[in-house]
């Protein structure tokens, strides 16, 4: 795209991307897969490389409306690609706040990426916006874990989100189903959701007055069992994430995907069961009564 694109009249305000996080998926006409989203991205990128601003406007608007309809976890490389499309739209709209922050989100995910010269040639003003934010100084904000399943930010299961640039946030159920997808800017909050219960504090010993009521004491064997279950839960969760990574690895054969999905879901359920057992056993360790 030649540099004259910068001086063309801006498209519709890109603030349209800042839709409320509470927007209902029920508004979607049909579910969207990752493959279908990639086709939309390719259309937007092609239109931009051809300096077809009306076509790019239409393609990027389609992306905006279809993100909430995504029913699959977004791979990190596709999340970066989406952020770049948002950044390009902000650039065309002459909105550096949008372009620089969206480009920063993409650079965090793929720091070594360079635009194809057919899309953004050397010396193009886009590159100034692309490199404007020092992502090394980025910060993250902790969020609460959901009661069911887990949160994914830009293709990475996590309980923290970027403080200074946008993110693709997804809620994934314990069955591995994506229930909600949002393109969130830093000033936008996650929608209201049920948070996970806080496990009992295993370090609190009952007060002396409570112990005298029936000579309650700590059961070391139960504590040991609780610790073992907690360790098993952590190991199972890590194993499930490994299967998750293999599932989205471009090099994984298609014939292995069903087995990887089943292994991931089974390990998630086993991890949740072990965690629940650890919490119950840990609490029971302080409820043992000696008569």
C-alpha atoms as a PDB file:
ATOM      1  CA  UNK A   1       0.000   0.000   0.000  1.00  0.00           C
ATOM      2  CA  UNK A   2       1.496   3.384  -0.986  1.00  0.00           C
ATOM      3  CA  UNK A   3       2.027   6.164   1.531  1.00  0.00           C
ATOM      4  CA  UNK A   4      -0.722   8.303   0.006  1.00  0.00           C
ATOM      5  CA  UNK A   5      -3.274   6.110   1.799  1.00  0.00           C
ATOM      6  CA  UNK A   6      -2.502   8.064   4.937  1.00  0.00           C
ATOM      7  CA  UNK A   7      -3.993  11.259   3.495  1.00  0.00           C
ATOM      8  CA  UNK A   8      -7.194   9.694   2.184  1.00  0.00           C
ATOM      9  CA  UNK A   9     -10.400  10.545   3.982  1.00  0.00           C
ATOM     10  CA  UNK A  10     -10.841   8.386   7.096  1.00  0.00           C
ATOM     11  CA  UNK A  11     -13.278   5.510   7.238  1.00  0.00           C
ATOM     12  CA  UNK A  12     -15.962   5.093   9.867  1.00  0.00           C
ATOM     13  CA  UNK A  13     -14.798   5.720  13.423  1.00  0.00           C
ATOM     14  CA  UNK A  14     -12.861   2.706  14.593  1.00  0.00           C
ATOM     15  CA  UNK A  15     -14.445   3.129  17.998  1.00  0.00           C
ATOM     16  CA  UNK A  16     -16.974   0.671  16.616  1.00  0.00           C
ATOM     17  CA  UNK A  17     -14.509  -2.008  17.708  1.00  0.00           C
ATOM     18  CA  UNK A  18     -15.055  -0.992  21.310  1.00  0.00           C
ATOM     19  CA  UNK A  19     -18.298  -2.913  21.683  1.00  0.00           C
ATOM     20  CA  UNK A  20     -19.528  -3.749  25.210  1.00  0.00           C
ATOM     21  CA  UNK A  21     -18.050  -6.945  26.605  1.00  0.00           C
ATOM     22  CA  UNK A  22     -21.549  -7.984  27.594  1.00  0.00           C
ATOM     23  CA  UNK A  23     -22.710  -8.240  23.964  1.00  0.00           C
ATOM     24  CA  UNK A  24     -24.629 -11.476  23.623  1.00  0.00           C
ATOM     25  CA  UNK A  25     -23.472 -14.298  21.383  1.00  0.00           C
ATOM     26  CA  UNK A  26     -27.147 -14.753  20.596  1.00  0.00           C
ATOM     27  CA  UNK A  27     -26.723 -11.837  18.165  1.00  0.00           C
ATOM     28  CA  UNK A  28     -24.559 -14.043  15.938  1.00  0.00           C
ATOM     29  CA  UNK A  29     -26.231 -15.462  12.901  1.00  0.00           C
ATOM     30  CA  UNK A  30     -24.038 -18.557  13.012  1.00  0.00           C
ATOM     31  CA  UNK A  31     -20.917 -19.863  14.719  1.00  0.00           C
ATOM     32  CA  UNK A  32     -17.519 -18.937  13.296  1.00  0.00           C
ATOM     33  CA  UNK A  33     -14.507 -21.252  13.223  1.00  0.00           C
ATOM     34  CA  UNK A  34     -10.855 -20.232  13.285  1.00  0.00           C
ATOM     35  CA  UNK A  35     -10.510 -21.230   9.628  1.00  0.00           C
ATOM     36  CA  UNK A  36     -13.388 -18.942   8.691  1.00  0.00           C
ATOM     37  CA  UNK A  37     -11.846 -16.082  10.661  1.00  0.00           C
ATOM     38  CA  UNK A  38      -8.560 -16.590   8.792  1.00  0.00           C
ATOM     39  CA  UNK A  39     -10.413 -16.252   5.480  1.00  0.00           C
ATOM     40  CA  UNK A  40     -11.804 -12.901   6.687  1.00  0.00           C
ATOM     41  CA  UNK A  41      -8.311 -11.790   7.712  1.00  0.00           C
ATOM     42  CA  UNK A  42      -6.923 -12.750   4.322  1.00  0.00           C
ATOM     43  CA  UNK A  43      -9.628 -10.679   2.642  1.00  0.00           C
ATOM     44  CA  UNK A  44      -8.799  -7.639   4.777  1.00  0.00           C
ATOM     45  CA  UNK A  45      -5.056  -8.004   4.187  1.00  0.00           C
ATOM     46  CA  UNK A  46      -5.497  -8.405   0.442  1.00  0.00           C
ATOM     47  CA  UNK A  47      -7.728  -5.333   0.206  1.00  0.00           C
ATOM     48  CA  UNK A  48      -5.196  -3.293   2.198  1.00  0.00           C
ATOM     49  CA  UNK A  49      -2.264  -4.423   0.033  1.00  0.00           C
ATOM     50  CA  UNK A  50      -4.221  -3.321  -3.051  1.00  0.00           C
ATOM     51  CA  UNK A  51      -5.018   0.105  -1.517  1.00  0.00           C
ATOM     52  CA  UNK A  52      -8.691  -0.849  -1.789  1.00  0.00           C
ATOM     53  CA  UNK A  53      -9.912   1.142   1.210  1.00  0.00           C
ATOM     54  CA  UNK A  54     -13.647   0.491   0.676  1.00  0.00           C
ATOM     55  CA  UNK A  55     -12.894  -3.236   0.464  1.00  0.00           C
ATOM     56  CA  UNK A  56     -10.651  -3.067   3.520  1.00  0.00           C
ATOM     57  CA  UNK A  57     -13.376  -1.172   5.396  1.00  0.00           C
ATOM     58  CA  UNK A  58     -15.918  -3.857   4.582  1.00  0.00           C
ATOM     59  CA  UNK A  59     -13.575  -6.725   5.445  1.00  0.00           C
ATOM     60  CA  UNK A  60     -12.462  -5.222   8.759  1.00  0.00           C
ATOM     61  CA  UNK A  61     -16.063  -4.484   9.704  1.00  0.00           C
ATOM     62  CA  UNK A  62     -16.926  -8.120   9.029  1.00  0.00           C
ATOM     63  CA  UNK A  63     -14.090  -9.142  11.342  1.00  0.00           C
ATOM     64  CA  UNK A  64     -15.409  -6.883  14.085  1.00  0.00           C
ATOM     65  CA  UNK A  65     -18.909  -8.330  13.961  1.00  0.00           C
ATOM     66  CA  UNK A  66     -17.791 -11.959  13.741  1.00  0.00           C
ATOM     67  CA  UNK A  67     -15.263 -12.102  16.584  1.00  0.00           C
ATOM     68  CA  UNK A  68     -17.976 -12.686  19.247  1.00  0.00           C
ATOM     69  CA  UNK A  69     -19.201 -15.631  17.162  1.00  0.00           C
ATOM     70  CA  UNK A  70     -15.879 -17.509  17.355  1.00  0.00           C
ATOM     71  CA  UNK A  71     -16.392 -20.968  18.889  1.00  0.00           C
ATOM     72  CA  UNK A  72     -12.769 -22.172  18.924  1.00  0.00           C
ATOM     73  CA  UNK A  73      -9.769 -21.097  20.958  1.00  0.00           C
ATOM     74  CA  UNK A  74      -7.830 -18.631  18.857  1.00  0.00           C
ATOM     75  CA  UNK A  75      -4.222 -19.725  18.190  1.00  0.00           C
ATOM     76  CA  UNK A  76      -1.677 -17.107  19.220  1.00  0.00           C
ATOM     77  CA  UNK A  77      -0.422 -16.476  15.700  1.00  0.00           C
ATOM     78  CA  UNK A  78      -3.973 -15.775  14.520  1.00  0.00           C
ATOM     79  CA  UNK A  79      -4.551 -13.483  17.518  1.00  0.00           C
ATOM     80  CA  UNK A  80      -1.455 -11.510  16.456  1.00  0.00           C
ATOM     81  CA  UNK A  81      -2.754 -11.364  12.902  1.00  0.00           C
ATOM     82  CA  UNK A  82      -6.085 -10.027  14.137  1.00  0.00           C
ATOM     83  CA  UNK A  83      -4.374  -7.325  16.201  1.00  0.00           C
ATOM     84  CA  UNK A  84      -2.404  -6.273  13.111  1.00  0.00           C
ATOM     85  CA  UNK A  85      -5.637  -5.941  11.122  1.00  0.00           C
ATOM     86  CA  UNK A  86      -7.076  -3.756  13.885  1.00  0.00           C
ATOM     87  CA  UNK A  87      -3.881  -1.689  13.861  1.00  0.00           C
ATOM     88  CA  UNK A  88      -4.082  -1.208  10.098  1.00  0.00           C
ATOM     89  CA  UNK A  89      -7.681  -0.093  10.404  1.00  0.00           C
ATOM     90  CA  UNK A  90      -6.688   2.407  13.079  1.00  0.00           C
ATOM     91  CA  UNK A  91      -3.897   3.677  10.822  1.00  0.00           C
ATOM     92  CA  UNK A  92      -6.269   4.170   7.890  1.00  0.00           C
ATOM     93  CA  UNK A  93      -8.710   5.942  10.206  1.00  0.00           C
ATOM     94  CA  UNK A  94      -5.856   8.207  11.325  1.00  0.00           C
ATOM     95  CA  UNK A  95      -6.363   7.093  14.920  1.00  0.00           C
ATOM     96  CA  UNK A  96      -2.870   6.471  16.350  1.00  0.00           C
ATOM     97  CA  UNK A  97      -4.293   5.508  19.745  1.00  0.00           C
ATOM     98  CA  UNK A  98      -5.947   2.508  18.117  1.00  0.00           C
ATOM     99  CA  UNK A  99      -3.170   1.639  15.680  1.00  0.00           C
ATOM    100  CA  UNK A 100      -0.224   1.867  18.085  1.00  0.00           C
ATOM    101  CA  UNK A 101      -1.919  -0.105  20.858  1.00  0.00           C
ATOM    102  CA  UNK A 102      -3.240  -2.838  18.568  1.00  0.00           C
ATOM    103  CA  UNK A 103       0.166  -3.149  16.897  1.00  0.00           C
ATOM    104  CA  UNK A 104       1.763  -3.438  20.349  1.00  0.00           C
ATOM    105  CA  UNK A 105      -0.529  -6.361  21.165  1.00  0.00           C
ATOM    106  CA  UNK A 106       0.590  -8.086  17.951  1.00  0.00           C
ATOM    107  CA  UNK A 107       4.289  -7.438  18.624  1.00  0.00           C
ATOM    108  CA  UNK A 108       4.101  -8.978  22.099  1.00  0.00           C
ATOM    109  CA  UNK A 109       2.838 -12.209  20.549  1.00  0.00           C
ATOM    110  CA  UNK A 110       5.099 -12.236  17.477  1.00  0.00           C
ATOM    111  CA  UNK A 111       8.065  -9.929  18.168  1.00  0.00           C
ATOM    112  CA  UNK A 112      10.002 -11.070  15.087  1.00  0.00           C
ATOM    113  CA  UNK A 113       7.180 -10.481  12.588  1.00  0.00           C
ATOM    114  CA  UNK A 114       7.730  -8.156   9.619  1.00  0.00           C
ATOM    115  CA  UNK A 115       5.043  -7.040   7.159  1.00  0.00           C
ATOM    116  CA  UNK A 116       5.316  -8.361   3.589  1.00  0.00           C
ATOM    117  CA  UNK A 117       6.747  -5.617   1.384  1.00  0.00           C
ATOM    118  CA  UNK A 118       3.717  -5.905  -0.898  1.00  0.00           C
ATOM    119  CA  UNK A 119       1.544  -4.827   2.026  1.00  0.00           C
ATOM    120  CA  UNK A 120       3.802  -2.381   3.890  1.00  0.00           C
ATOM    121  CA  UNK A 121       6.966  -1.420   1.974  1.00  0.00           C
ATOM    122  CA  UNK A 122      10.074  -0.091   3.695  1.00  0.00           C
ATOM    123  CA  UNK A 123       9.678   3.504   4.817  1.00  0.00           C
ATOM    124  CA  UNK A 124       5.868   3.337   4.908  1.00  0.00           C
ATOM    125  CA  UNK A 125       4.377   5.449   7.755  1.00  0.00           C
ATOM    126  CA  UNK A 126       2.607   2.338   9.072  1.00  0.00           C
ATOM    127  CA  UNK A 127       5.935   1.163  10.447  1.00  0.00           C
ATOM    128  CA  UNK A 128       6.219   4.213  12.695  1.00  0.00           C
ATOM    129  CA  UNK A 129       2.910   3.319  14.354  1.00  0.00           C
ATOM    130  CA  UNK A 130       3.836  -0.350  14.421  1.00  0.00           C
ATOM    131  CA  UNK A 131       6.958   0.268  16.495  1.00  0.00           C
ATOM    132  CA  UNK A 132       5.696   3.248  18.519  1.00  0.00           C
ATOM    133  CA  UNK A 133       4.971   1.435  21.823  1.00  0.00           C
ATOM    134  CA  UNK A 134       7.785   0.005  23.944  1.00  0.00           C
ATOM    135  CA  UNK A 135       6.227  -3.361  24.711  1.00  0.00           C
ATOM    136  CA  UNK A 136       9.119  -4.361  26.965  1.00  0.00           C
ATOM    137  CA  UNK A 137       7.649  -2.094  29.644  1.00  0.00           C
ATOM    138  CA  UNK A 138       4.239  -3.760  29.437  1.00  0.00           C
ATOM    139  CA  UNK A 139       2.292  -4.707  32.547  1.00  0.00           C
ATOM    140  CA  UNK A 140      -0.441  -7.221  33.223  1.00  0.00           C
ATOM    141  CA  UNK A 141      -3.539  -7.086  35.436  1.00  0.00           C
ATOM    142  CA  UNK A 142      -4.682 -10.117  37.419  1.00  0.00           C
ATOM    143  CA  UNK A 143      -8.265 -11.280  36.975  1.00  0.00           C
ATOM    144  CA  UNK A 144     -10.311 -13.804  38.944  1.00  0.00           C
ATOM    145  CA  UNK A 145     -10.567 -17.363  37.673  1.00  0.00           C
ATOM    146  CA  UNK A 146     -14.069 -18.389  36.533  1.00  0.00           C
ATOM    147  CA  UNK A 147     -16.041 -20.975  38.499  1.00  0.00           C
ATOM    148  CA  UNK A 148     -16.164 -23.250  35.456  1.00  0.00           C
ATOM    149  CA  UNK A 149     -13.415 -23.755  32.920  1.00  0.00           C
ATOM    150  CA  UNK A 150     -10.737 -21.153  32.334  1.00  0.00           C
ATOM    151  CA  UNK A 151      -9.894 -17.856  30.641  1.00  0.00           C
ATOM    152  CA  UNK A 152      -7.753 -17.468  27.531  1.00  0.00           C
ATOM    153  CA  UNK A 153      -6.056 -14.213  26.521  1.00  0.00           C
ATOM    154  CA  UNK A 154      -4.633 -14.020  22.992  1.00  0.00           C
ATOM    155  CA  UNK A 155      -4.501 -17.799  22.742  1.00  0.00           C
ATOM    156  CA  UNK A 156      -2.824 -18.331  26.127  1.00  0.00           C
ATOM    157  CA  UNK A 157      -4.707 -19.722  29.158  1.00  0.00           C
ATOM    158  CA  UNK A 158      -4.006 -17.206  31.912  1.00  0.00           C
ATOM    159  CA  UNK A 159      -5.507 -15.193  34.767  1.00  0.00           C
ATOM    160  CA  UNK A 160      -3.902 -11.897  33.764  1.00  0.00           C
ATOM    161  CA  UNK A 161      -4.553  -9.532  30.875  1.00  0.00           C
ATOM    162  CA  UNK A 162      -2.500  -6.724  29.306  1.00  0.00           C
ATOM    163  CA  UNK A 163      -2.806  -3.352  31.021  1.00  0.00           C
ATOM    164  CA  UNK A 164      -1.896  -1.091  28.082  1.00  0.00           C
ATOM    165  CA  UNK A 165      -3.050  -2.800  24.875  1.00  0.00           C
ATOM    166  CA  UNK A 166      -6.047  -4.821  23.652  1.00  0.00           C
ATOM    167  CA  UNK A 167      -6.509  -8.551  23.980  1.00  0.00           C
ATOM    168  CA  UNK A 168      -8.732 -11.294  22.593  1.00  0.00           C
ATOM    169  CA  UNK A 169     -10.409 -12.722  25.702  1.00  0.00           C
ATOM    170  CA  UNK A 170     -12.193 -16.081  25.633  1.00  0.00           C
ATOM    171  CA  UNK A 171     -14.136 -18.057  28.213  1.00  0.00           C
ATOM    172  CA  UNK A 172     -13.663 -21.824  27.841  1.00  0.00           C
ATOM    173  CA  UNK A 173     -15.851 -24.288  29.736  1.00  0.00           C
ATOM    174  CA  UNK A 174     -14.554 -27.320  31.600  1.00  0.00           C
ATOM    175  CA  UNK A 175     -15.708 -29.374  28.594  1.00  0.00           C
ATOM    176  CA  UNK A 176     -13.337 -27.409  26.369  1.00  0.00           C
ATOM    177  CA  UNK A 177     -16.060 -25.381  24.640  1.00  0.00           C
ATOM    178  CA  UNK A 178     -15.524 -21.665  23.934  1.00  0.00           C
ATOM    179  CA  UNK A 179     -18.591 -19.935  25.349  1.00  0.00           C
ATOM    180  CA  UNK A 180     -17.635 -16.282  24.765  1.00  0.00           C
ATOM    181  CA  UNK A 181     -15.066 -14.353  22.739  1.00  0.00           C
ATOM    182  CA  UNK A 182     -14.366 -10.617  23.074  1.00  0.00           C
ATOM    183  CA  UNK A 183     -11.941  -8.112  21.601  1.00  0.00           C
ATOM    184  CA  UNK A 184     -11.235  -6.045  24.717  1.00  0.00           C
ATOM    185  CA  UNK A 185      -9.420  -2.741  25.020  1.00  0.00           C
ATOM    186  CA  UNK A 186      -7.621  -1.947  28.299  1.00  0.00           C
ATOM    187  CA  UNK A 187     -10.420   0.379  29.384  1.00  0.00           C
ATOM    188  CA  UNK A 188     -13.023  -2.349  28.879  1.00  0.00           C
ATOM    189  CA  UNK A 189     -13.843  -4.774  31.693  1.00  0.00           C
ATOM    190  CA  UNK A 190     -14.611  -8.430  31.341  1.00  0.00           C
ATOM    191  CA  UNK A 191     -18.335  -9.175  31.548  1.00  0.00           C
ATOM    192  CA  UNK A 192     -19.769 -10.216  34.892  1.00  0.00           C
ATOM    193  CA  UNK A 193     -19.123 -13.924  35.468  1.00  0.00           C
ATOM    194  CA  UNK A 194     -19.229 -16.448  38.297  1.00  0.00           C
ATOM    195  CA  UNK A 195     -15.818 -16.691  39.928  1.00  0.00           C
ATOM    196  CA  UNK A 196     -14.166 -19.801  41.345  1.00  0.00           C
ATOM    197  CA  UNK A 197     -14.605 -20.467  45.056  1.00  0.00           C
ATOM    198  CA  UNK A 198     -11.601 -19.694  47.222  1.00  0.00           C
ATOM    199  CA  UNK A 199     -10.084 -22.862  48.723  1.00  0.00           C
ATOM    200  CA  UNK A 200      -9.882 -23.031  52.548  1.00  0.00           C
ATOM    201  CA  UNK A 201      -6.651 -21.642  53.981  1.00  0.00           C
ATOM    202  CA  UNK A 202      -4.739 -24.761  55.007  1.00  0.00           C
ATOM    203  CA  UNK A 203      -2.399 -22.660  57.130  1.00  0.00           C
ATOM    204  CA  UNK A 204      -5.045 -21.590  59.670  1.00  0.00           C
ATOM    205  CA  UNK A 205      -5.083 -23.611  62.893  1.00  0.00           C
ATOM    206  CA  UNK A 206      -8.331 -23.625  64.923  1.00  0.00           C
ATOM    207  CA  UNK A 207      -8.301 -21.363  67.957  1.00  0.00           C
ATOM    208  CA  UNK A 208      -7.600 -22.891  71.394  1.00  0.00           C
ATOM    209  CA  UNK A 209     -11.192 -22.307  72.488  1.00  0.00           C
ATOM    210  CA  UNK A 210     -12.421 -24.310  69.489  1.00  0.00           C
ATOM    211  CA  UNK A 211      -9.937 -27.102  70.176  1.00  0.00           C
ATOM    212  CA  UNK A 212     -11.121 -27.454  73.753  1.00  0.00           C
ATOM    213  CA  UNK A 213     -14.710 -27.982  72.590  1.00  0.00           C
ATOM    214  CA  UNK A 214     -13.737 -31.472  71.483  1.00  0.00           C
ATOM    215  CA  UNK A 215      -9.939 -31.463  71.438  1.00  0.00           C
ATOM    216  CA  UNK A 216      -9.822 -30.787  67.692  1.00  0.00           C
ATOM    217  CA  UNK A 217      -6.339 -31.243  66.262  1.00  0.00           C
ATOM    218  CA  UNK A 218      -4.596 -31.232  62.924  1.00  0.00           C
ATOM    219  CA  UNK A 219      -4.443 -34.557  61.110  1.00  0.00           C
ATOM    220  CA  UNK A 220      -1.031 -34.819  59.516  1.00  0.00           C
ATOM    221  CA  UNK A 221      -1.996 -37.850  57.387  1.00  0.00           C
ATOM    222  CA  UNK A 222      -4.926 -35.945  55.908  1.00  0.00           C
ATOM    223  CA  UNK A 223      -2.690 -32.972  55.240  1.00  0.00           C
ATOM    224  CA  UNK A 224      -0.280 -35.257  53.425  1.00  0.00           C
ATOM    225  CA  UNK A 225      -3.130 -36.641  51.303  1.00  0.00           C
ATOM    226  CA  UNK A 226      -4.302 -33.097  50.525  1.00  0.00           C
ATOM    227  CA  UNK A 227      -0.810 -32.126  49.458  1.00  0.00           C
ATOM    228  CA  UNK A 228      -0.535 -35.163  47.210  1.00  0.00           C
ATOM    229  CA  UNK A 229      -3.885 -34.410  45.576  1.00  0.00           C
ATOM    230  CA  UNK A 230      -2.891 -30.782  45.033  1.00  0.00           C
ATOM    231  CA  UNK A 231       0.366 -31.886  43.396  1.00  0.00           C
ATOM    232  CA  UNK A 232      -1.521 -34.356  41.211  1.00  0.00           C
ATOM    233  CA  UNK A 233      -3.978 -31.636  40.205  1.00  0.00           C
ATOM    234  CA  UNK A 234      -1.123 -29.371  39.153  1.00  0.00           C
ATOM    235  CA  UNK A 235       0.604 -32.128  37.206  1.00  0.00           C
ATOM    236  CA  UNK A 236      -2.605 -33.040  35.395  1.00  0.00           C
ATOM    237  CA  UNK A 237      -3.264 -29.425  34.522  1.00  0.00           C
ATOM    238  CA  UNK A 238       0.234 -28.997  33.091  1.00  0.00           C
ATOM    239  CA  UNK A 239      -0.217 -32.182  31.095  1.00  0.00           C
ATOM    240  CA  UNK A 240      -3.542 -30.893  29.755  1.00  0.00           C
ATOM    241  CA  UNK A 241      -1.864 -27.667  28.624  1.00  0.00           C
ATOM    242  CA  UNK A 242       0.788 -29.715  26.833  1.00  0.00           C
ATOM    243  CA  UNK A 243      -1.950 -31.566  24.959  1.00  0.00           C
ATOM    244  CA  UNK A 244      -3.609 -28.222  24.279  1.00  0.00           C
ATOM    245  CA  UNK A 245      -0.388 -26.877  22.772  1.00  0.00           C
ATOM    246  CA  UNK A 246       0.064 -29.971  20.606  1.00  0.00           C
ATOM    247  CA  UNK A 247      -3.527 -29.614  19.365  1.00  0.00           C
ATOM    248  CA  UNK A 248      -2.832 -26.115  18.018  1.00  0.00           C
ATOM    249  CA  UNK A 249       0.654 -26.901  16.757  1.00  0.00           C
ATOM    250  CA  UNK A 250       0.566 -26.452  12.946  1.00  0.00           C
ATOM    251  CA  UNK A 251       2.848 -29.468  12.663  1.00  0.00           C
ATOM    252  CA  UNK A 252       0.426 -31.852  14.394  1.00  0.00           C
ATOM    253  CA  UNK A 253      -1.174 -34.337  11.941  1.00  0.00           C
ATOM    254  CA  UNK A 254      -4.938 -33.967  11.532  1.00  0.00           C
ATOM    255  CA  UNK A 255      -5.362 -37.637  12.442  1.00  0.00           C
ATOM    256  CA  UNK A 256      -4.064 -36.891  15.957  1.00  0.00           C
ATOM    257  CA  UNK A 257      -6.448 -34.030  16.751  1.00  0.00           C
ATOM    258  CA  UNK A 258      -9.364 -36.114  18.082  1.00  0.00           C
ATOM    259  CA  UNK A 259      -7.098 -38.047  20.445  1.00  0.00           C
ATOM    260  CA  UNK A 260      -5.434 -34.846  21.649  1.00  0.00           C
ATOM    261  CA  UNK A 261      -8.815 -33.221  22.288  1.00  0.00           C
ATOM    262  CA  UNK A 262     -10.017 -36.228  24.294  1.00  0.00           C
ATOM    263  CA  UNK A 263      -6.771 -36.347  26.272  1.00  0.00           C
ATOM    264  CA  UNK A 264      -6.943 -32.630  27.052  1.00  0.00           C
ATOM    265  CA  UNK A 265     -10.570 -32.760  28.230  1.00  0.00           C
ATOM    266  CA  UNK A 266      -9.966 -35.887  30.331  1.00  0.00           C
ATOM    267  CA  UNK A 267      -6.969 -34.327  32.056  1.00  0.00           C
ATOM    268  CA  UNK A 268      -8.880 -31.107  32.755  1.00  0.00           C
ATOM    269  CA  UNK A 269     -11.657 -33.069  34.466  1.00  0.00           C
ATOM    270  CA  UNK A 270      -9.154 -35.172  36.431  1.00  0.00           C
ATOM    271  CA  UNK A 271      -7.297 -32.017  37.504  1.00  0.00           C
ATOM    272  CA  UNK A 272     -10.514 -30.410  38.725  1.00  0.00           C
ATOM    273  CA  UNK A 273     -11.416 -33.560  40.656  1.00  0.00           C
ATOM    274  CA  UNK A 274      -8.012 -33.744  42.302  1.00  0.00           C
ATOM    275  CA  UNK A 275      -8.191 -30.044  43.217  1.00  0.00           C
ATOM    276  CA  UNK A 276     -11.605 -30.532  44.795  1.00  0.00           C
ATOM    277  CA  UNK A 277     -10.337 -33.546  46.713  1.00  0.00           C
ATOM    278  CA  UNK A 278      -7.343 -31.549  47.941  1.00  0.00           C
ATOM    279  CA  UNK A 279      -9.583 -28.748  49.205  1.00  0.00           C
ATOM    280  CA  UNK A 280     -11.962 -31.108  50.996  1.00  0.00           C
ATOM    281  CA  UNK A 281      -9.199 -33.217  52.496  1.00  0.00           C
ATOM    282  CA  UNK A 282      -7.263 -30.138  53.564  1.00  0.00           C
ATOM    283  CA  UNK A 283     -10.324 -28.754  55.308  1.00  0.00           C
ATOM    284  CA  UNK A 284     -11.041 -32.110  56.932  1.00  0.00           C
ATOM    285  CA  UNK A 285      -7.538 -32.214  58.364  1.00  0.00           C
ATOM    286  CA  UNK A 286      -8.539 -29.421  60.740  1.00  0.00           C
ATOM    287  CA  UNK A 287     -11.884 -30.915  61.662  1.00  0.00           C
ATOM    288  CA  UNK A 288     -10.593 -34.129  63.223  1.00  0.00           C
ATOM    289  CA  UNK A 289     -11.930 -34.489  66.773  1.00  0.00           C
ATOM    290  CA  UNK A 290     -10.256 -36.463  69.551  1.00  0.00           C
ATOM    291  CA  UNK A 291     -12.726 -37.540  72.293  1.00  0.00           C
END
